[in-house]
Amino acid sequence: MKKKIVILGATGTVGSKISEILLNEGHQVTVMARHTEKLEKFKSMGAEVISSDVTDVKTLTNAFKNADSAFLILPDNPKAENTRAYQRQVTSNYIQAIEKSGIKYIVNMSSLGSHMHEGNGMMGGTGEQEVRLNQIENVNVLHIRSAYFMENWLRIIGLVKAKGIAGTAADGDTAIPMVATQDVAKIAAGHLSKLDFTGKSIHAVMGPRDYTYKEFTNIIGQAIGKPELPYVQIPVEQAKQIFLGNGFSEDFVDNLLGMAVAIKDGIFNYQKRDDSTTTTTTAEQFVNEVYLPIFNQ
């Protein structure tokens, strides 16, 4: 049976893929974003497009009212002077819309590391959002705790090309789960359409196995014909200045880097890996199918 499903963050790496999967399956999909010009593709596929953002409780409520399920994501705000206060407000808006609309099924995009409420940078906000959504009565909520996105490696293609290095503020020798967002989207879309969860629950999505940053860099190096491509851990203060130079607020940058630094402490290695949490797309597949075409543009 076809469902009515609302997707927030439909222009994002996960939300866009969920939208496409559900539309191809014939579901009635409502996509929501501040910049709707990026949603023309989904409109042509039959989606209802709503121009709004996470501050508009009334529009959120109306969208949720007749929906079977909705996908929530806590969007980044690089300009926020107080990241946690911003995240808290977004969660409050979601809760108001859920309670006023009467919607019964919510799939919430969270992250590995959200079991901790401090010492995990940006994930402190997703951890708090999980707890607060769990307090809503008579609503089924599933939290997708995703691993580190393989797509994050696309952000440093410029560095690889300009400097001949791959670098972030994270430790290069700590192995963590990494996942292709297509795999996350498949799982999220399945829950949104099947409504196969009750109460409050967690589904971790952890990719095929754990990779160190050095190992992933090596896979990239082999694919681009530079097998000696080094991974360089960028000092936190240096990384901070780069982000500040891009116009990000200091508090946002501190949260972003707090997450990267905490990787060494094992924040992404808490969740148990089993058949339900392991997905299929390997780093090699991702690099060949997604990274290389973008690198070669």
C-alpha atoms as a PDB file:
ATOM      1  CA  MET A   1       0.000   0.000   0.000  1.00  0.00           C
ATOM      2  CA  LYS A   2       1.350   3.419  -0.988  1.00  0.00           C
ATOM      3  CA  LYS A   3       2.091   5.857   1.831  1.00  0.00           C
ATOM      4  CA  LYS A   4       2.070   9.619   2.351  1.00  0.00           C
ATOM      5  CA  ILE A   5       5.574  10.550   3.472  1.00  0.00           C
ATOM      6  CA  VAL A   6       7.213  13.890   4.340  1.00  0.00           C
ATOM      7  CA  ILE A   7      10.946  14.340   3.827  1.00  0.00           C
ATOM      8  CA  LEU A   8      12.756  17.214   5.541  1.00  0.00           C
ATOM      9  CA  GLY A   9      16.193  18.134   4.237  1.00  0.00           C
ATOM     10  CA  ALA A  10      15.308  16.800   0.794  1.00  0.00           C
ATOM     11  CA  THR A  11      18.238  18.663  -0.799  1.00  0.00           C
ATOM     12  CA  GLY A  12      20.749  16.886   1.469  1.00  0.00           C
ATOM     13  CA  THR A  13      22.899  13.861   0.680  1.00  0.00           C
ATOM     14  CA  VAL A  14      20.578  11.448   2.521  1.00  0.00           C
ATOM     15  CA  GLY A  15      17.209  13.199   2.146  1.00  0.00           C
ATOM     16  CA  SER A  16      17.556  13.512  -1.633  1.00  0.00           C
ATOM     17  CA  LYS A  17      18.276   9.793  -1.991  1.00  0.00           C
ATOM     18  CA  ILE A  18      15.360   8.827   0.288  1.00  0.00           C
ATOM     19  CA  SER A  19      13.038  11.045  -1.772  1.00  0.00           C
ATOM     20  CA  GLU A  20      14.134   9.432  -5.015  1.00  0.00           C
ATOM     21  CA  ILE A  21      13.731   5.888  -3.685  1.00  0.00           C
ATOM     22  CA  LEU A  22      10.215   6.552  -2.342  1.00  0.00           C
ATOM     23  CA  LEU A  23       9.047   8.384  -5.477  1.00  0.00           C
ATOM     24  CA  ASN A  24      10.303   5.541  -7.662  1.00  0.00           C
ATOM     25  CA  GLU A  25       8.263   3.163  -5.487  1.00  0.00           C
ATOM     26  CA  GLY A  26       5.153   5.252  -6.163  1.00  0.00           C
ATOM     27  CA  HIS A  27       4.607   6.773  -2.713  1.00  0.00           C
ATOM     28  CA  GLN A  28       3.001  10.187  -2.209  1.00  0.00           C
ATOM     29  CA  VAL A  29       6.027  12.216  -1.163  1.00  0.00           C
ATOM     30  CA  THR A  30       6.148  15.765   0.171  1.00  0.00           C
ATOM     31  CA  VAL A  31       9.619  17.302   0.056  1.00  0.00           C
ATOM     32  CA  MET A  32      10.524  20.350   2.054  1.00  0.00           C
ATOM     33  CA  ALA A  33      13.451  22.733   1.733  1.00  0.00           C
ATOM     34  CA  ARG A  34      14.301  26.399   1.997  1.00  0.00           C
ATOM     35  CA  HIS A  35      15.719  26.477  -1.541  1.00  0.00           C
ATOM     36  CA  THR A  36      13.095  24.733  -3.642  1.00  0.00           C
ATOM     37  CA  GLU A  37      14.880  25.283  -6.958  1.00  0.00           C
ATOM     38  CA  LYS A  38      16.983  22.271  -6.003  1.00  0.00           C
ATOM     39  CA  LEU A  39      13.815  20.167  -5.756  1.00  0.00           C
ATOM     40  CA  GLU A  40      12.594  20.548  -9.358  1.00  0.00           C
ATOM     41  CA  LYS A  41      13.715  17.002 -10.122  1.00  0.00           C
ATOM     42  CA  PHE A  42      11.413  15.603  -7.433  1.00  0.00           C
ATOM     43  CA  LYS A  43       8.539  17.824  -8.550  1.00  0.00           C
ATOM     44  CA  SER A  44       8.856  16.353 -12.044  1.00  0.00           C
ATOM     45  CA  MET A  45       8.727  12.883 -10.434  1.00  0.00           C
ATOM     46  CA  GLY A  46       5.417  13.735  -8.755  1.00  0.00           C
ATOM     47  CA  ALA A  47       6.430  15.071  -5.355  1.00  0.00           C
ATOM     48  CA  GLU A  48       4.655  17.920  -3.610  1.00  0.00           C
ATOM     49  CA  VAL A  49       7.247  20.637  -2.991  1.00  0.00           C
ATOM     50  CA  ILE A  50       6.941  22.956   0.006  1.00  0.00           C
ATOM     51  CA  SER A  51       9.136  26.002   0.456  1.00  0.00           C
ATOM     52  CA  SER A  52       9.839  26.234   4.167  1.00  0.00           C
ATOM     53  CA  ASP A  53      12.439  25.569   6.830  1.00  0.00           C
ATOM     54  CA  VAL A  54      12.744  24.199  10.350  1.00  0.00           C
ATOM     55  CA  THR A  55      11.680  27.500  11.965  1.00  0.00           C
ATOM     56  CA  ASP A  56       8.167  27.359  10.480  1.00  0.00           C
ATOM     57  CA  VAL A  57       6.141  25.249  12.920  1.00  0.00           C
ATOM     58  CA  LYS A  58       2.810  25.955  11.196  1.00  0.00           C
ATOM     59  CA  THR A  59       3.992  24.698   7.803  1.00  0.00           C
ATOM     60  CA  LEU A  60       5.659  21.671   9.408  1.00  0.00           C
ATOM     61  CA  THR A  61       2.427  20.863  11.268  1.00  0.00           C
ATOM     62  CA  ASN A  62       0.300  21.113   8.129  1.00  0.00           C
ATOM     63  CA  ALA A  63       2.723  18.909   6.194  1.00  0.00           C
ATOM     64  CA  PHE A  64       2.697  16.254   8.927  1.00  0.00           C
ATOM     65  CA  LYS A  65      -1.106  16.317   9.401  1.00  0.00           C
ATOM     66  CA  ASN A  66      -2.156  13.781   6.787  1.00  0.00           C
ATOM     67  CA  ALA A  67       1.170  11.963   6.497  1.00  0.00           C
ATOM     68  CA  ASP A  68       1.795   8.350   7.445  1.00  0.00           C
ATOM     69  CA  SER A  69       5.434   9.062   8.313  1.00  0.00           C
ATOM     70  CA  ALA A  70       8.110  11.761   8.227  1.00  0.00           C
ATOM     71  CA  PHE A  71      11.879  11.920   8.006  1.00  0.00           C
ATOM     72  CA  LEU A  72      13.571  14.422  10.328  1.00  0.00           C
ATOM     73  CA  ILE A  73      17.114  15.728  10.197  1.00  0.00           C
ATOM     74  CA  LEU A  74      18.883  18.267  12.402  1.00  0.00           C
ATOM     75  CA  PRO A  75      20.345  20.672   9.846  1.00  0.00           C
ATOM     76  CA  ASP A  76      23.689  22.381  10.361  1.00  0.00           C
ATOM     77  CA  ASN A  77      23.729  26.130  10.874  1.00  0.00           C
ATOM     78  CA  PRO A  78      27.318  27.311  10.262  1.00  0.00           C
ATOM     79  CA  LYS A  79      26.356  30.854  11.306  1.00  0.00           C
ATOM     80  CA  ALA A  80      24.825  29.905  14.680  1.00  0.00           C
ATOM     81  CA  GLU A  81      26.472  31.762  17.548  1.00  0.00           C
ATOM     82  CA  ASN A  82      25.250  29.047  19.936  1.00  0.00           C
ATOM     83  CA  THR A  83      25.024  25.709  18.138  1.00  0.00           C
ATOM     84  CA  ARG A  84      23.382  23.770  20.960  1.00  0.00           C
ATOM     85  CA  ALA A  85      20.715  26.465  21.476  1.00  0.00           C
ATOM     86  CA  TYR A  86      19.983  26.400  17.742  1.00  0.00           C
ATOM     87  CA  GLN A  87      19.751  22.593  17.728  1.00  0.00           C
ATOM     88  CA  ARG A  88      17.487  22.704  20.793  1.00  0.00           C
ATOM     89  CA  GLN A  89      15.133  25.164  19.090  1.00  0.00           C
ATOM     90  CA  VAL A  90      14.878  23.027  15.956  1.00  0.00           C
ATOM     91  CA  THR A  91      14.016  19.982  18.093  1.00  0.00           C
ATOM     92  CA  SER A  92      11.357  22.024  19.933  1.00  0.00           C
ATOM     93  CA  ASN A  93       9.836  23.019  16.579  1.00  0.00           C
ATOM     94  CA  TYR A  94       9.727  19.388  15.474  1.00  0.00           C
ATOM     95  CA  ILE A  95       8.086  18.275  18.727  1.00  0.00           C
ATOM     96  CA  GLN A  96       5.408  20.971  18.457  1.00  0.00           C
ATOM     97  CA  ALA A  97       4.638  19.978  14.853  1.00  0.00           C
ATOM     98  CA  ILE A  98       4.507  16.259  15.694  1.00  0.00           C
ATOM     99  CA  GLU A  99       2.199  16.764  18.674  1.00  0.00           C
ATOM    100  CA  LYS A 100      -0.130  19.220  16.903  1.00  0.00           C
ATOM    101  CA  SER A 101      -0.380  17.161  13.709  1.00  0.00           C
ATOM    102  CA  GLY A 102      -1.044  13.749  15.203  1.00  0.00           C
ATOM    103  CA  ILE A 103       1.508  11.982  12.980  1.00  0.00           C
ATOM    104  CA  LYS A 104       2.395   8.531  14.337  1.00  0.00           C
ATOM    105  CA  TYR A 105       5.657   7.461  12.657  1.00  0.00           C
ATOM    106  CA  ILE A 106       8.925   9.411  12.712  1.00  0.00           C
ATOM    107  CA  VAL A 107      12.296   8.333  11.295  1.00  0.00           C
ATOM    108  CA  ASN A 108      14.936  10.604  12.814  1.00  0.00           C
ATOM    109  CA  MET A 109      18.385  11.030  11.268  1.00  0.00           C
ATOM    110  CA  SER A 110      20.895  10.690  14.089  1.00  0.00           C
ATOM    111  CA  SER A 111      24.514   9.578  14.226  1.00  0.00           C
ATOM    112  CA  LEU A 112      26.874   7.150  15.852  1.00  0.00           C
ATOM    113  CA  GLY A 113      28.236   8.944  18.893  1.00  0.00           C
ATOM    114  CA  SER A 114      24.788  10.212  19.906  1.00  0.00           C
ATOM    115  CA  HIS A 115      24.751   7.923  22.948  1.00  0.00           C
ATOM    116  CA  MET A 116      26.948  10.577  24.619  1.00  0.00           C
ATOM    117  CA  HIS A 117      25.643  14.020  25.491  1.00  0.00           C
ATOM    118  CA  GLU A 118      28.972  15.784  25.802  1.00  0.00           C
ATOM    119  CA  GLY A 119      32.531  15.326  24.590  1.00  0.00           C
ATOM    120  CA  ASN A 120      31.224  14.499  21.117  1.00  0.00           C
ATOM    121  CA  GLY A 121      30.905  17.949  19.543  1.00  0.00           C
ATOM    122  CA  MET A 122      28.005  18.258  17.112  1.00  0.00           C
ATOM    123  CA  MET A 123      26.605  14.893  18.191  1.00  0.00           C
ATOM    124  CA  GLY A 124      25.660  16.354  21.581  1.00  0.00           C
ATOM    125  CA  GLY A 125      22.710  17.950  19.786  1.00  0.00           C
ATOM    126  CA  THR A 126      21.598  14.783  18.003  1.00  0.00           C
ATOM    127  CA  GLY A 127      21.899  12.882  21.289  1.00  0.00           C
ATOM    128  CA  GLU A 128      19.658  15.399  23.013  1.00  0.00           C
ATOM    129  CA  GLN A 129      17.195  15.289  20.114  1.00  0.00           C
ATOM    130  CA  GLU A 130      16.913  11.504  20.472  1.00  0.00           C
ATOM    131  CA  VAL A 131      16.083  11.825  24.173  1.00  0.00           C
ATOM    132  CA  ARG A 132      13.496  14.561  23.619  1.00  0.00           C
ATOM    133  CA  LEU A 133      11.757  12.770  20.740  1.00  0.00           C
ATOM    134  CA  ASN A 134      11.614   9.657  22.910  1.00  0.00           C
ATOM    135  CA  GLN A 135       9.510  11.576  25.435  1.00  0.00           C
ATOM    136  CA  ILE A 136       6.649  12.164  22.988  1.00  0.00           C
ATOM    137  CA  GLU A 137       3.792   9.844  23.887  1.00  0.00           C
ATOM    138  CA  ASN A 138       1.936   7.629  21.415  1.00  0.00           C
ATOM    139  CA  VAL A 139       4.346   8.293  18.540  1.00  0.00           C
ATOM    140  CA  ASN A 140       6.655   5.642  17.080  1.00  0.00           C
ATOM    141  CA  VAL A 141      10.171   7.026  16.661  1.00  0.00           C
ATOM    142  CA  LEU A 142      13.102   5.260  14.990  1.00  0.00           C
ATOM    143  CA  HIS A 143      16.543   6.857  15.238  1.00  0.00           C
ATOM    144  CA  ILE A 144      18.932   6.093  12.374  1.00  0.00           C
ATOM    145  CA  ARG A 145      22.393   6.216  13.963  1.00  0.00           C
ATOM    146  CA  SER A 146      24.570   6.541  10.908  1.00  0.00           C
ATOM    147  CA  ALA A 147      28.309   5.984  10.631  1.00  0.00           C
ATOM    148  CA  TYR A 148      30.709   8.588   9.210  1.00  0.00           C
ATOM    149  CA  PHE A 149      29.567   9.367   5.659  1.00  0.00           C
ATOM    150  CA  MET A 150      31.950   8.264   2.921  1.00  0.00           C
ATOM    151  CA  GLU A 151      30.638  11.362   1.089  1.00  0.00           C
ATOM    152  CA  ASN A 152      32.594  13.522   3.564  1.00  0.00           C
ATOM    153  CA  TRP A 153      35.702  12.610   1.543  1.00  0.00           C
ATOM    154  CA  LEU A 154      34.274  14.562  -1.402  1.00  0.00           C
ATOM    155  CA  ARG A 155      34.679  17.785   0.606  1.00  0.00           C
ATOM    156  CA  ILE A 156      38.456  17.568   0.529  1.00  0.00           C
ATOM    157  CA  ILE A 157      38.896  16.824  -3.180  1.00  0.00           C
ATOM    158  CA  GLY A 158      40.155  20.405  -3.551  1.00  0.00           C
ATOM    159  CA  LEU A 159      42.873  19.722  -0.969  1.00  0.00           C
ATOM    160  CA  VAL A 160      43.907  16.501  -2.727  1.00  0.00           C
ATOM    161  CA  LYS A 161      44.188  18.356  -6.051  1.00  0.00           C
ATOM    162  CA  ALA A 162      45.844  21.519  -4.729  1.00  0.00           C
ATOM    163  CA  LYS A 163      48.230  20.136  -2.110  1.00  0.00           C
ATOM    164  CA  GLY A 164      48.551  16.457  -2.945  1.00  0.00           C
ATOM    165  CA  ILE A 165      47.319  15.402   0.508  1.00  0.00           C
ATOM    166  CA  ALA A 166      44.098  14.217   2.147  1.00  0.00           C
ATOM    167  CA  GLY A 167      43.649  15.869   5.502  1.00  0.00           C
ATOM    168  CA  THR A 168      41.148  16.463   8.301  1.00  0.00           C
ATOM    169  CA  ALA A 169      41.451  17.131  12.037  1.00  0.00           C
ATOM    170  CA  ALA A 170      40.753  13.464  12.837  1.00  0.00           C
ATOM    171  CA  ASP A 171      43.370  10.911  13.888  1.00  0.00           C
ATOM    172  CA  GLY A 172      44.561   8.858  10.918  1.00  0.00           C
ATOM    173  CA  ASP A 173      45.041   5.558  12.759  1.00  0.00           C
ATOM    174  CA  THR A 174      41.663   5.136  14.480  1.00  0.00           C
ATOM    175  CA  ALA A 175      39.367   2.754  12.617  1.00  0.00           C
ATOM    176  CA  ILE A 176      35.717   3.814  12.551  1.00  0.00           C
ATOM    177  CA  PRO A 177      32.596   2.658  10.705  1.00  0.00           C
ATOM    178  CA  MET A 178      32.132   4.499   7.396  1.00  0.00           C
ATOM    179  CA  VAL A 179      29.025   4.253   5.223  1.00  0.00           C
ATOM    180  CA  ALA A 180      27.808   5.336   1.783  1.00  0.00           C
ATOM    181  CA  THR A 181      24.737   7.564   2.116  1.00  0.00           C
ATOM    182  CA  GLN A 182      22.902   5.472  -0.502  1.00  0.00           C
ATOM    183  CA  ASP A 183      22.911   2.604   2.014  1.00  0.00           C
ATOM    184  CA  VAL A 184      21.603   4.868   4.786  1.00  0.00           C
ATOM    185  CA  ALA A 185      18.855   6.158   2.477  1.00  0.00           C
ATOM    186  CA  LYS A 186      17.719   2.629   1.539  1.00  0.00           C
ATOM    187  CA  ILE A 187      17.264   1.684   5.181  1.00  0.00           C
ATOM    188  CA  ALA A 188      15.520   4.934   6.102  1.00  0.00           C
ATOM    189  CA  ALA A 189      13.202   4.714   3.074  1.00  0.00           C
ATOM    190  CA  GLY A 190      12.313   1.140   4.012  1.00  0.00           C
ATOM    191  CA  HIS A 191      11.239   2.143   7.524  1.00  0.00           C
ATOM    192  CA  LEU A 192       9.308   5.189   6.265  1.00  0.00           C
ATOM    193  CA  SER A 193       7.268   3.107   3.820  1.00  0.00           C
ATOM    194  CA  LYS A 194       6.856  -0.134   5.773  1.00  0.00           C
ATOM    195  CA  LEU A 195       6.163   1.514   9.175  1.00  0.00           C
ATOM    196  CA  ASP A 196       7.859  -1.553  10.653  1.00  0.00           C
ATOM    197  CA  PHE A 197       8.817  -0.055  14.040  1.00  0.00           C
ATOM    198  CA  THR A 198       6.967   0.559  17.289  1.00  0.00           C
ATOM    199  CA  GLY A 199       7.755   2.562  20.388  1.00  0.00           C
ATOM    200  CA  LYS A 200      11.184   4.168  20.497  1.00  0.00           C
ATOM    201  CA  SER A 201      14.076   2.361  18.809  1.00  0.00           C
ATOM    202  CA  ILE A 202      17.515   2.713  17.192  1.00  0.00           C
ATOM    203  CA  HIS A 203      18.817   1.329  13.899  1.00  0.00           C
ATOM    204  CA  ALA A 204      22.556   1.814  13.511  1.00  0.00           C
ATOM    205  CA  VAL A 205      23.857   1.906   9.918  1.00  0.00           C
ATOM    206  CA  MET A 206      27.570   1.164   9.931  1.00  0.00           C
ATOM    207  CA  GLY A 207      28.785   0.398   6.427  1.00  0.00           C
ATOM    208  CA  PRO A 208      30.633  -2.806   5.479  1.00  0.00           C
ATOM    209  CA  ARG A 209      33.463  -2.516   8.039  1.00  0.00           C
ATOM    210  CA  ASP A 210      35.661  -0.045   9.923  1.00  0.00           C
ATOM    211  CA  TYR A 211      38.310   2.001   8.089  1.00  0.00           C
ATOM    212  CA  THR A 212      41.094   4.258   9.318  1.00  0.00           C
ATOM    213  CA  TYR A 213      41.485   7.622   7.603  1.00  0.00           C
ATOM    214  CA  LYS A 214      44.891   6.492   6.331  1.00  0.00           C
ATOM    215  CA  GLU A 215      43.379   3.345   4.837  1.00  0.00           C
ATOM    216  CA  PHE A 216      40.589   5.264   3.106  1.00  0.00           C
ATOM    217  CA  THR A 217      43.140   7.751   1.778  1.00  0.00           C
ATOM    218  CA  ASN A 218      45.149   4.852   0.361  1.00  0.00           C
ATOM    219  CA  ILE A 219      42.061   3.543  -1.459  1.00  0.00           C
ATOM    220  CA  ILE A 220      41.534   7.019  -2.955  1.00  0.00           C
ATOM    221  CA  GLY A 221      45.210   7.245  -3.887  1.00  0.00           C
ATOM    222  CA  GLN A 222      45.134   3.927  -5.740  1.00  0.00           C
ATOM    223  CA  ALA A 223      42.018   4.985  -7.663  1.00  0.00           C
ATOM    224  CA  ILE A 224      43.358   8.389  -8.777  1.00  0.00           C
ATOM    225  CA  GLY A 225      46.756   7.022  -9.753  1.00  0.00           C
ATOM    226  CA  LYS A 226      48.608   8.467  -6.751  1.00  0.00           C
ATOM    227  CA  PRO A 227      49.271   5.418  -4.547  1.00  0.00           C
ATOM    228  CA  GLU A 228      51.574   7.470  -2.292  1.00  0.00           C
ATOM    229  CA  LEU A 229      48.805  10.000  -1.438  1.00  0.00           C
ATOM    230  CA  PRO A 230      49.375  10.783   2.259  1.00  0.00           C
ATOM    231  CA  TYR A 231      46.790  11.340   4.963  1.00  0.00           C
ATOM    232  CA  VAL A 232      47.738  14.343   7.096  1.00  0.00           C
ATOM    233  CA  GLN A 233      46.092  15.106  10.429  1.00  0.00           C
ATOM    234  CA  ILE A 234      45.583  18.872  10.391  1.00  0.00           C
ATOM    235  CA  PRO A 235      46.237  20.567  13.766  1.00  0.00           C
ATOM    236  CA  VAL A 236      42.971  21.666  15.372  1.00  0.00           C
ATOM    237  CA  GLU A 237      43.933  25.341  15.546  1.00  0.00           C
ATOM    238  CA  GLN A 238      44.917  25.377  11.876  1.00  0.00           C
ATOM    239  CA  ALA A 239      41.681  23.651  10.874  1.00  0.00           C
ATOM    240  CA  LYS A 240      39.746  26.138  12.996  1.00  0.00           C
ATOM    241  CA  GLN A 241      41.257  29.114  11.181  1.00  0.00           C
ATOM    242  CA  ILE A 242      40.342  27.575   7.809  1.00  0.00           C
ATOM    243  CA  PHE A 243      36.692  27.162   8.847  1.00  0.00           C
ATOM    244  CA  LEU A 244      36.532  30.637  10.392  1.00  0.00           C
ATOM    245  CA  GLY A 245      37.947  31.995   7.140  1.00  0.00           C
ATOM    246  CA  ASN A 246      34.982  30.420   5.349  1.00  0.00           C
ATOM    247  CA  GLY A 247      32.609  32.492   7.463  1.00  0.00           C
ATOM    248  CA  PHE A 248      31.560  29.833   9.980  1.00  0.00           C
ATOM    249  CA  SER A 249      30.793  30.934  13.541  1.00  0.00           C
ATOM    250  CA  GLU A 250      33.363  30.048  16.206  1.00  0.00           C
ATOM    251  CA  ASP A 251      30.895  27.965  18.212  1.00  0.00           C
ATOM    252  CA  PHE A 252      29.875  25.957  15.130  1.00  0.00           C
ATOM    253  CA  VAL A 253      33.534  25.308  14.299  1.00  0.00           C
ATOM    254  CA  ASP A 254      34.271  24.231  17.876  1.00  0.00           C
ATOM    255  CA  ASN A 255      31.409  21.714  17.694  1.00  0.00           C
ATOM    256  CA  LEU A 256      32.546  20.458  14.303  1.00  0.00           C
ATOM    257  CA  LEU A 257      36.143  19.977  15.432  1.00  0.00           C
ATOM    258  CA  GLY A 258      35.039  18.579  18.788  1.00  0.00           C
ATOM    259  CA  MET A 259      33.448  15.721  16.902  1.00  0.00           C
ATOM    260  CA  ALA A 260      36.575  15.113  14.785  1.00  0.00           C
ATOM    261  CA  VAL A 261      38.899  15.120  17.807  1.00  0.00           C
ATOM    262  CA  ALA A 262      36.596  12.764  19.741  1.00  0.00           C
ATOM    263  CA  ILE A 263      36.872  10.101  17.031  1.00  0.00           C
ATOM    264  CA  LYS A 264      40.141   9.001  18.666  1.00  0.00           C
ATOM    265  CA  ASP A 265      38.226   8.491  21.927  1.00  0.00           C
ATOM    266  CA  GLY A 266      36.000   5.926  20.227  1.00  0.00           C
ATOM    267  CA  ILE A 267      32.722   7.868  20.070  1.00  0.00           C
ATOM    268  CA  PHE A 268      31.842   6.175  16.768  1.00  0.00           C
ATOM    269  CA  ASN A 269      32.731   2.694  18.015  1.00  0.00           C
ATOM    270  CA  TYR A 270      30.048   2.234  20.674  1.00  0.00           C
ATOM    271  CA  GLN A 271      27.345   0.618  18.571  1.00  0.00           C
ATOM    272  CA  LYS A 272      27.444  -3.126  18.056  1.00  0.00           C
ATOM    273  CA  ARG A 273      28.064  -4.380  14.519  1.00  0.00           C
ATOM    274  CA  ASP A 274      25.813  -7.224  13.344  1.00  0.00           C
ATOM    275  CA  ASP A 275      23.818  -8.191  10.234  1.00  0.00           C
ATOM    276  CA  SER A 276      21.212  -5.482  10.813  1.00  0.00           C
ATOM    277  CA  THR A 277      23.792  -2.699  11.145  1.00  0.00           C
ATOM    278  CA  THR A 278      26.226  -3.764   8.398  1.00  0.00           C
ATOM    279  CA  THR A 279      25.634  -2.475   4.846  1.00  0.00           C
ATOM    280  CA  THR A 280      27.186  -3.500   1.559  1.00  0.00           C
ATOM    281  CA  THR A 281      28.866  -0.577  -0.236  1.00  0.00           C
ATOM    282  CA  THR A 282      32.631  -0.845   0.313  1.00  0.00           C
ATOM    283  CA  ALA A 283      35.103   2.040   0.273  1.00  0.00           C
ATOM    284  CA  GLU A 284      36.482   0.713  -3.032  1.00  0.00           C
ATOM    285  CA  GLN A 285      33.013   0.711  -4.605  1.00  0.00           C
ATOM    286  CA  PHE A 286      32.268   4.178  -3.307  1.00  0.00           C
ATOM    287  CA  VAL A 287      35.548   5.619  -4.543  1.00  0.00           C
ATOM    288  CA  ASN A 288      35.123   4.097  -8.016  1.00  0.00           C
ATOM    289  CA  GLU A 289      31.416   4.876  -8.437  1.00  0.00           C
ATOM    290  CA  VAL A 290      31.031   8.216  -6.613  1.00  0.00           C
ATOM    291  CA  TYR A 291      34.395   9.798  -5.757  1.00  0.00           C
ATOM    292  CA  LEU A 292      36.235   9.259  -9.057  1.00  0.00           C
ATOM    293  CA  PRO A 293      33.600  10.801 -11.378  1.00  0.00           C
ATOM    294  CA  ILE A 294      33.510  13.941  -9.207  1.00  0.00           C
ATOM    295  CA  PHE A 295      37.316  14.039  -8.885  1.00  0.00           C
ATOM    296  CA  ASN A 296      37.662  13.796 -12.661  1.00  0.00           C
ATOM    297  CA  GLN A 297      35.208  16.606 -13.462  1.00  0.00           C
END
